Amino acid sequence: MGIDLTSKEAKPSACLGLDNQLKLIYLGFLNGDSDILQAVSRHEFELIAIDAPLSLPKGLCCLEESCSCQPTAGVKGRNCERELARLGIPCYFTTKKSIIKAMVYRGIRLRTELEAMGYEVIEVYPHASKLRLFGKPIPSKLKPDGLTFLKQRICQLLPNITPFVDGFNHDMCDAAIAAYTAFLRSQGKTELCGEPEEGAICLPFLDRVIYAR
């Protein structure tokens, strides 16, 4: 299952689930964490890929500027985020000044609850997955041509969901990429960016680039 997590439960999160043959078995927008947990449990997904930071930098107990905790590394963000930056892949750094602080807290909470239920949870970053899968350039998903690009590429990766793609917005496209990254993980076709003990982002192997132009 791929989850394009939002910062607040009031705003629905796009969720898409695949079986081991890449057939669509779940598609929808879910609000509360309890709704997500229920959907995961009902469909017995083995691997959950969440598009959100799922950990804090070493040394931080929170992201509150009023707290005295400081990152052990002495630099901003997690190692996985710094590695992405070195690879030329822009991303949000997890810091006390993060504009997605609420999403980070929610992601950590949801990961903890899912793992307590016995599920494997991985952190994914759909933009990085797209670069690995499709190469550069990738048009902005917020523009019509960018959304069309994503839908076309997703249909190449997941032919079985083609009948549903017309109704996808960019959030559901990201959920689909997250779910596909989880599938690649189950096939041993991904690598981890960062340090697992701090928090790693799961990326498709670079040698799986698809230049479908």
C-alpha atoms as a PDB file:
ATOM      1  CA  MET A   1       0.000   0.000   0.000  1.00  0.00           C
ATOM      2  CA  GLY A   2       1.239   3.461  -0.877  1.00  0.00           C
ATOM      3  CA  ILE A   3       0.145   6.418   1.245  1.00  0.00           C
ATOM      4  CA  ASP A   4       0.592  10.055   0.231  1.00  0.00           C
ATOM      5  CA  LEU A   5       0.268  11.304   3.776  1.00  0.00           C
ATOM      6  CA  THR A   6      -1.150  14.720   4.609  1.00  0.00           C
ATOM      7  CA  SER A   7      -0.241  16.820   7.629  1.00  0.00           C
ATOM      8  CA  LYS A   8      -3.721  16.796   9.159  1.00  0.00           C
ATOM      9  CA  GLU A   9      -6.359  14.100   9.439  1.00  0.00           C
ATOM     10  CA  ALA A  10      -8.951  16.630   8.259  1.00  0.00           C
ATOM     11  CA  LYS A  11      -7.323  16.548   4.816  1.00  0.00           C
ATOM     12  CA  PRO A  12      -7.696  13.151   3.092  1.00  0.00           C
ATOM     13  CA  SER A  13      -4.579  11.140   2.257  1.00  0.00           C
ATOM     14  CA  ALA A  14      -4.430   9.369  -1.106  1.00  0.00           C
ATOM     15  CA  CYS A  15      -3.998   5.604  -0.632  1.00  0.00           C
ATOM     16  CA  LEU A  16      -3.455   2.927  -3.264  1.00  0.00           C
ATOM     17  CA  GLY A  17      -2.940  -0.791  -2.731  1.00  0.00           C
ATOM     18  CA  LEU A  18      -1.535  -3.455  -5.059  1.00  0.00           C
ATOM     19  CA  ASP A  19      -1.302  -7.220  -4.849  1.00  0.00           C
ATOM     20  CA  ASN A  20       1.795  -9.240  -5.722  1.00  0.00           C
ATOM     21  CA  GLN A  21       0.795  -9.226  -9.402  1.00  0.00           C
ATOM     22  CA  LEU A  22       0.445  -5.429  -9.436  1.00  0.00           C
ATOM     23  CA  LYS A  23      -3.337  -5.599  -9.637  1.00  0.00           C
ATOM     24  CA  LEU A  24      -5.274  -2.823  -7.935  1.00  0.00           C
ATOM     25  CA  ILE A  25      -6.953  -3.962  -4.727  1.00  0.00           C
ATOM     26  CA  TYR A  26      -7.504  -0.639  -2.965  1.00  0.00           C
ATOM     27  CA  LEU A  27      -8.021   2.937  -4.095  1.00  0.00           C
ATOM     28  CA  GLY A  28      -9.310   5.795  -2.019  1.00  0.00           C
ATOM     29  CA  PHE A  29      -8.813   8.881   0.118  1.00  0.00           C
ATOM     30  CA  LEU A  30      -8.721   8.324   3.869  1.00  0.00           C
ATOM     31  CA  ASN A  31      -8.881  10.958   6.603  1.00  0.00           C
ATOM     32  CA  GLY A  32      -8.004   9.677  10.044  1.00  0.00           C
ATOM     33  CA  ASP A  33      -5.139   7.473  11.106  1.00  0.00           C
ATOM     34  CA  SER A  34      -7.721   4.974  12.338  1.00  0.00           C
ATOM     35  CA  ASP A  35      -9.208   4.835   8.823  1.00  0.00           C
ATOM     36  CA  ILE A  36      -5.772   4.063   7.366  1.00  0.00           C
ATOM     37  CA  LEU A  37      -5.076   1.388   9.989  1.00  0.00           C
ATOM     38  CA  GLN A  38      -8.453  -0.191   9.318  1.00  0.00           C
ATOM     39  CA  ALA A  39      -7.884  -0.278   5.543  1.00  0.00           C
ATOM     40  CA  VAL A  40      -4.424  -1.824   5.968  1.00  0.00           C
ATOM     41  CA  SER A  41      -5.779  -4.456   8.341  1.00  0.00           C
ATOM     42  CA  ARG A  42      -8.820  -5.269   6.215  1.00  0.00           C
ATOM     43  CA  HIS A  43      -6.777  -5.874   3.061  1.00  0.00           C
ATOM     44  CA  GLU A  44      -3.837  -7.486   4.889  1.00  0.00           C
ATOM     45  CA  PHE A  45      -1.135  -5.504   3.106  1.00  0.00           C
ATOM     46  CA  GLU A  46       2.325  -6.863   3.859  1.00  0.00           C
ATOM     47  CA  LEU A  47       4.313  -3.694   3.187  1.00  0.00           C
ATOM     48  CA  ILE A  48       3.287  -0.079   3.711  1.00  0.00           C
ATOM     49  CA  ALA A  49       5.114   2.749   1.910  1.00  0.00           C
ATOM     50  CA  ILE A  50       4.512   6.190   3.370  1.00  0.00           C
ATOM     51  CA  ASP A  51       5.411   9.430   1.598  1.00  0.00           C
ATOM     52  CA  ALA A  52       6.490  11.421   4.660  1.00  0.00           C
ATOM     53  CA  PRO A  53       9.496  11.613   6.967  1.00  0.00           C
ATOM     54  CA  LEU A  54       9.156   8.743   9.454  1.00  0.00           C
ATOM     55  CA  SER A  55      11.981   9.607  11.849  1.00  0.00           C
ATOM     56  CA  LEU A  56      13.874  12.488  13.417  1.00  0.00           C
ATOM     57  CA  PRO A  57      17.551  13.339  12.977  1.00  0.00           C
ATOM     58  CA  LYS A  58      19.833  11.708  15.545  1.00  0.00           C
ATOM     59  CA  GLY A  59      19.911  13.753  18.723  1.00  0.00           C
ATOM     60  CA  LEU A  60      16.457  15.277  18.350  1.00  0.00           C
ATOM     61  CA  CYS A  61      13.592  14.179  20.565  1.00  0.00           C
ATOM     62  CA  CYS A  62      11.177  16.570  18.858  1.00  0.00           C
ATOM     63  CA  LEU A  63      10.997  19.420  16.376  1.00  0.00           C
ATOM     64  CA  GLU A  64      10.068  22.110  18.874  1.00  0.00           C
ATOM     65  CA  GLU A  65      12.333  25.154  18.834  1.00  0.00           C
ATOM     66  CA  SER A  66      11.668  25.646  22.549  1.00  0.00           C
ATOM     67  CA  CYS A  67      13.320  22.286  23.314  1.00  0.00           C
ATOM     68  CA  SER A  68      17.080  22.105  23.963  1.00  0.00           C
ATOM     69  CA  CYS A  69      17.648  18.909  21.941  1.00  0.00           C
ATOM     70  CA  GLN A  70      20.091  19.319  19.054  1.00  0.00           C
ATOM     71  CA  PRO A  71      21.063  17.131  16.060  1.00  0.00           C
ATOM     72  CA  THR A  72      24.091  14.975  16.797  1.00  0.00           C
ATOM     73  CA  ALA A  73      25.564  15.549  13.342  1.00  0.00           C
ATOM     74  CA  GLY A  74      25.671  19.320  13.829  1.00  0.00           C
ATOM     75  CA  VAL A  75      24.128  19.884  10.399  1.00  0.00           C
ATOM     76  CA  LYS A  76      20.541  20.178   9.282  1.00  0.00           C
ATOM     77  CA  GLY A  77      18.340  17.257   8.382  1.00  0.00           C
ATOM     78  CA  ARG A  78      18.789  13.500   8.346  1.00  0.00           C
ATOM     79  CA  ASN A  79      21.604  11.728   6.544  1.00  0.00           C
ATOM     80  CA  CYS A  80      19.147  10.345   3.970  1.00  0.00           C
ATOM     81  CA  GLU A  81      18.063  13.874   3.062  1.00  0.00           C
ATOM     82  CA  ARG A  82      21.633  15.072   2.759  1.00  0.00           C
ATOM     83  CA  GLU A  83      22.415  12.059   0.539  1.00  0.00           C
ATOM     84  CA  LEU A  84      19.490  12.924  -1.730  1.00  0.00           C
ATOM     85  CA  ALA A  85      20.758  16.502  -1.977  1.00  0.00           C
ATOM     86  CA  ARG A  86      24.200  15.224  -2.986  1.00  0.00           C
ATOM     87  CA  LEU A  87      22.479  13.159  -5.695  1.00  0.00           C
ATOM     88  CA  GLY A  88      20.795  16.313  -7.011  1.00  0.00           C
ATOM     89  CA  ILE A  89      17.358  15.318  -5.688  1.00  0.00           C
ATOM     90  CA  PRO A  90      15.721  18.211  -3.795  1.00  0.00           C
ATOM     91  CA  CYS A  91      13.678  17.417  -0.707  1.00  0.00           C
ATOM     92  CA  TYR A  92      12.474  18.919   2.567  1.00  0.00           C
ATOM     93  CA  PHE A  93      15.035  18.648   5.358  1.00  0.00           C
ATOM     94  CA  THR A  94      13.703  17.500   8.721  1.00  0.00           C
ATOM     95  CA  THR A  95      14.600  20.345  11.084  1.00  0.00           C
ATOM     96  CA  LYS A  96      13.003  22.373  13.851  1.00  0.00           C
ATOM     97  CA  LYS A  97      12.101  24.968  11.238  1.00  0.00           C
ATOM     98  CA  SER A  98      10.401  22.454   8.958  1.00  0.00           C
ATOM     99  CA  ILE A  99       7.205  23.631   7.275  1.00  0.00           C
ATOM    100  CA  ILE A 100       5.919  20.038   7.343  1.00  0.00           C
ATOM    101  CA  LYS A 101       6.423  19.509  11.093  1.00  0.00           C
ATOM    102  CA  ALA A 102       2.858  18.252  11.564  1.00  0.00           C
ATOM    103  CA  MET A 103       3.330  15.707   8.764  1.00  0.00           C
ATOM    104  CA  VAL A 104       6.557  14.449  10.344  1.00  0.00           C
ATOM    105  CA  TYR A 105       4.846  13.911  13.693  1.00  0.00           C
ATOM    106  CA  ARG A 106       1.922  12.189  12.010  1.00  0.00           C
ATOM    107  CA  GLY A 107       4.196   9.977   9.915  1.00  0.00           C
ATOM    108  CA  ILE A 108       6.182   8.854  12.963  1.00  0.00           C
ATOM    109  CA  ARG A 109       2.998   8.148  14.892  1.00  0.00           C
ATOM    110  CA  LEU A 110       1.443   6.165  12.041  1.00  0.00           C
ATOM    111  CA  ARG A 111       4.634   4.162  11.447  1.00  0.00           C
ATOM    112  CA  THR A 112       4.793   3.291  15.155  1.00  0.00           C
ATOM    113  CA  GLU A 113       1.180   2.115  15.180  1.00  0.00           C
ATOM    114  CA  LEU A 114       1.558   0.045  12.012  1.00  0.00           C
ATOM    115  CA  GLU A 115       4.762  -1.604  13.208  1.00  0.00           C
ATOM    116  CA  ALA A 116       3.091  -2.425  16.523  1.00  0.00           C
ATOM    117  CA  MET A 117       0.445  -4.257  14.473  1.00  0.00           C
ATOM    118  CA  GLY A 118       3.188  -6.293  12.803  1.00  0.00           C
ATOM    119  CA  TYR A 119       3.418  -4.519   9.428  1.00  0.00           C
ATOM    120  CA  GLU A 120       6.615  -3.586   7.644  1.00  0.00           C
ATOM    121  CA  VAL A 121       6.732   0.165   6.984  1.00  0.00           C
ATOM    122  CA  ILE A 122       9.123   1.976   4.668  1.00  0.00           C
ATOM    123  CA  GLU A 123       9.649   5.650   3.986  1.00  0.00           C
ATOM    124  CA  VAL A 124       9.453   6.620   0.330  1.00  0.00           C
ATOM    125  CA  TYR A 125       9.838   9.850  -1.585  1.00  0.00           C
ATOM    126  CA  PRO A 126       7.856   9.612  -4.838  1.00  0.00           C
ATOM    127  CA  HIS A 127       9.809  12.392  -6.560  1.00  0.00           C
ATOM    128  CA  ALA A 128      13.046  10.483  -6.004  1.00  0.00           C
ATOM    129  CA  SER A 129      11.376   7.253  -7.174  1.00  0.00           C
ATOM    130  CA  LYS A 130      10.191   8.992 -10.338  1.00  0.00           C
ATOM    131  CA  LEU A 131      13.690  10.218 -11.115  1.00  0.00           C
ATOM    132  CA  ARG A 132      15.023   6.689 -10.654  1.00  0.00           C
ATOM    133  CA  LEU A 133      12.263   5.139 -12.762  1.00  0.00           C
ATOM    134  CA  PHE A 134      11.777   7.721 -15.501  1.00  0.00           C
ATOM    135  CA  GLY A 135      14.958   9.784 -15.602  1.00  0.00           C
ATOM    136  CA  LYS A 136      15.104  13.542 -16.118  1.00  0.00           C
ATOM    137  CA  PRO A 137      13.428  15.855 -16.827  1.00  0.00           C
ATOM    138  CA  ILE A 138      10.139  15.345 -15.007  1.00  0.00           C
ATOM    139  CA  PRO A 139       7.566  18.127 -15.475  1.00  0.00           C
ATOM    140  CA  SER A 140       5.873  19.575 -12.402  1.00  0.00           C
ATOM    141  CA  LYS A 141       3.050  17.362 -11.181  1.00  0.00           C
ATOM    142  CA  LEU A 142       1.090  20.539 -10.356  1.00  0.00           C
ATOM    143  CA  LYS A 143       0.772  21.451 -14.038  1.00  0.00           C
ATOM    144  CA  PRO A 144      -1.566  19.756 -16.541  1.00  0.00           C
ATOM    145  CA  ASP A 145       1.267  18.441 -18.717  1.00  0.00           C
ATOM    146  CA  GLY A 146       3.046  17.137 -15.624  1.00  0.00           C
ATOM    147  CA  LEU A 147      -0.049  15.255 -14.476  1.00  0.00           C
ATOM    148  CA  THR A 148      -0.504  13.801 -17.967  1.00  0.00           C
ATOM    149  CA  PHE A 149       3.137  12.712 -17.943  1.00  0.00           C
ATOM    150  CA  LEU A 150       2.668  10.948 -14.610  1.00  0.00           C
ATOM    151  CA  LYS A 151      -0.500   9.164 -15.682  1.00  0.00           C
ATOM    152  CA  GLN A 152       1.161   7.888 -18.853  1.00  0.00           C
ATOM    153  CA  ARG A 153       4.209   6.584 -16.976  1.00  0.00           C
ATOM    154  CA  ILE A 154       2.092   5.002 -14.252  1.00  0.00           C
ATOM    155  CA  CYS A 155       0.086   3.126 -16.889  1.00  0.00           C
ATOM    156  CA  GLN A 156       3.361   1.743 -18.266  1.00  0.00           C
ATOM    157  CA  LEU A 157       4.386   0.554 -14.805  1.00  0.00           C
ATOM    158  CA  LEU A 158       0.933  -0.614 -13.747  1.00  0.00           C
ATOM    159  CA  PRO A 159      -1.124  -1.587 -16.820  1.00  0.00           C
ATOM    160  CA  ASN A 160      -3.821  -3.145 -14.624  1.00  0.00           C
ATOM    161  CA  ILE A 161      -4.823   0.216 -13.159  1.00  0.00           C
ATOM    162  CA  THR A 162      -5.105   1.997 -16.530  1.00  0.00           C
ATOM    163  CA  PRO A 163      -8.947   2.076 -16.373  1.00  0.00           C
ATOM    164  CA  PHE A 164      -8.788   4.133 -13.179  1.00  0.00           C
ATOM    165  CA  VAL A 165      -5.982   6.577 -13.957  1.00  0.00           C
ATOM    166  CA  ASP A 166      -8.090   9.243 -15.679  1.00  0.00           C
ATOM    167  CA  GLY A 167      -9.566  10.133 -12.296  1.00  0.00           C
ATOM    168  CA  PHE A 168      -6.208  10.427 -10.522  1.00  0.00           C
ATOM    169  CA  ASN A 169      -4.988  13.744  -9.154  1.00  0.00           C
ATOM    170  CA  HIS A 170      -1.294  14.286  -8.414  1.00  0.00           C
ATOM    171  CA  ASP A 171      -1.712  12.970  -4.852  1.00  0.00           C
ATOM    172  CA  MET A 172      -3.072   9.640  -6.079  1.00  0.00           C
ATOM    173  CA  CYS A 173      -0.275   9.465  -8.654  1.00  0.00           C
ATOM    174  CA  ASP A 174       2.214   9.809  -5.803  1.00  0.00           C
ATOM    175  CA  ALA A 175       0.386   7.095  -3.856  1.00  0.00           C
ATOM    176  CA  ALA A 176       0.683   4.831  -6.909  1.00  0.00           C
ATOM    177  CA  ILE A 177       4.426   5.502  -7.185  1.00  0.00           C
ATOM    178  CA  ALA A 178       4.775   4.809  -3.460  1.00  0.00           C
ATOM    179  CA  ALA A 179       2.920   1.506  -3.822  1.00  0.00           C
ATOM    180  CA  TYR A 180       5.063   0.517  -6.814  1.00  0.00           C
ATOM    181  CA  THR A 181       8.212   1.325  -4.844  1.00  0.00           C
ATOM    182  CA  ALA A 182       6.915  -0.981  -2.104  1.00  0.00           C
ATOM    183  CA  PHE A 183       6.396  -3.703  -4.718  1.00  0.00           C
ATOM    184  CA  LEU A 184       9.988  -3.276  -5.933  1.00  0.00           C
ATOM    185  CA  ARG A 185      11.110  -3.518  -2.311  1.00  0.00           C
ATOM    186  CA  SER A 186       9.317  -6.852  -1.980  1.00  0.00           C
ATOM    187  CA  GLN A 187      11.180  -8.031  -5.091  1.00  0.00           C
ATOM    188  CA  GLY A 188      14.592  -6.972  -3.767  1.00  0.00           C
ATOM    189  CA  LYS A 189      14.888  -4.223  -6.385  1.00  0.00           C
ATOM    190  CA  THR A 190      15.416  -1.211  -4.145  1.00  0.00           C
ATOM    191  CA  GLU A 191      18.158   0.299  -2.037  1.00  0.00           C
ATOM    192  CA  LEU A 192      18.145   2.419   1.093  1.00  0.00           C
ATOM    193  CA  CYS A 193      19.364   5.993   1.103  1.00  0.00           C
ATOM    194  CA  GLY A 194      20.640   7.026   4.513  1.00  0.00           C
ATOM    195  CA  GLU A 195      21.289   5.203   7.767  1.00  0.00           C
ATOM    196  CA  PRO A 196      18.627   2.655   8.818  1.00  0.00           C
ATOM    197  CA  GLU A 197      19.229   3.383  12.511  1.00  0.00           C
ATOM    198  CA  GLU A 198      18.334   7.046  11.931  1.00  0.00           C
ATOM    199  CA  GLY A 199      15.847   6.668   9.113  1.00  0.00           C
ATOM    200  CA  ALA A 200      16.292   5.659   5.475  1.00  0.00           C
ATOM    201  CA  ILE A 201      14.391   6.401   2.270  1.00  0.00           C
ATOM    202  CA  CYS A 202      13.678   3.471  -0.025  1.00  0.00           C
ATOM    203  CA  LEU A 203      14.644   4.069  -3.677  1.00  0.00           C
ATOM    204  CA  PRO A 204      14.284   1.904  -6.791  1.00  0.00           C
ATOM    205  CA  PHE A 205      17.596   0.674  -8.157  1.00  0.00           C
ATOM    206  CA  LEU A 206      19.016   3.183 -10.623  1.00  0.00           C
ATOM    207  CA  ASP A 207      19.443   0.463 -13.256  1.00  0.00           C
ATOM    208  CA  ARG A 208      15.656   0.245 -13.541  1.00  0.00           C
ATOM    209  CA  VAL A 209      15.401   3.604 -15.344  1.00  0.00           C
ATOM    210  CA  ILE A 210      12.672   3.576 -18.007  1.00  0.00           C
ATOM    211  CA  TYR A 211      13.164   6.067 -20.811  1.00  0.00           C
ATOM    212  CA  ALA A 212       9.663   5.902 -22.242  1.00  0.00           C
ATOM    213  CA  ARG A 213       9.434   8.998 -24.378  1.00  0.00           C
END
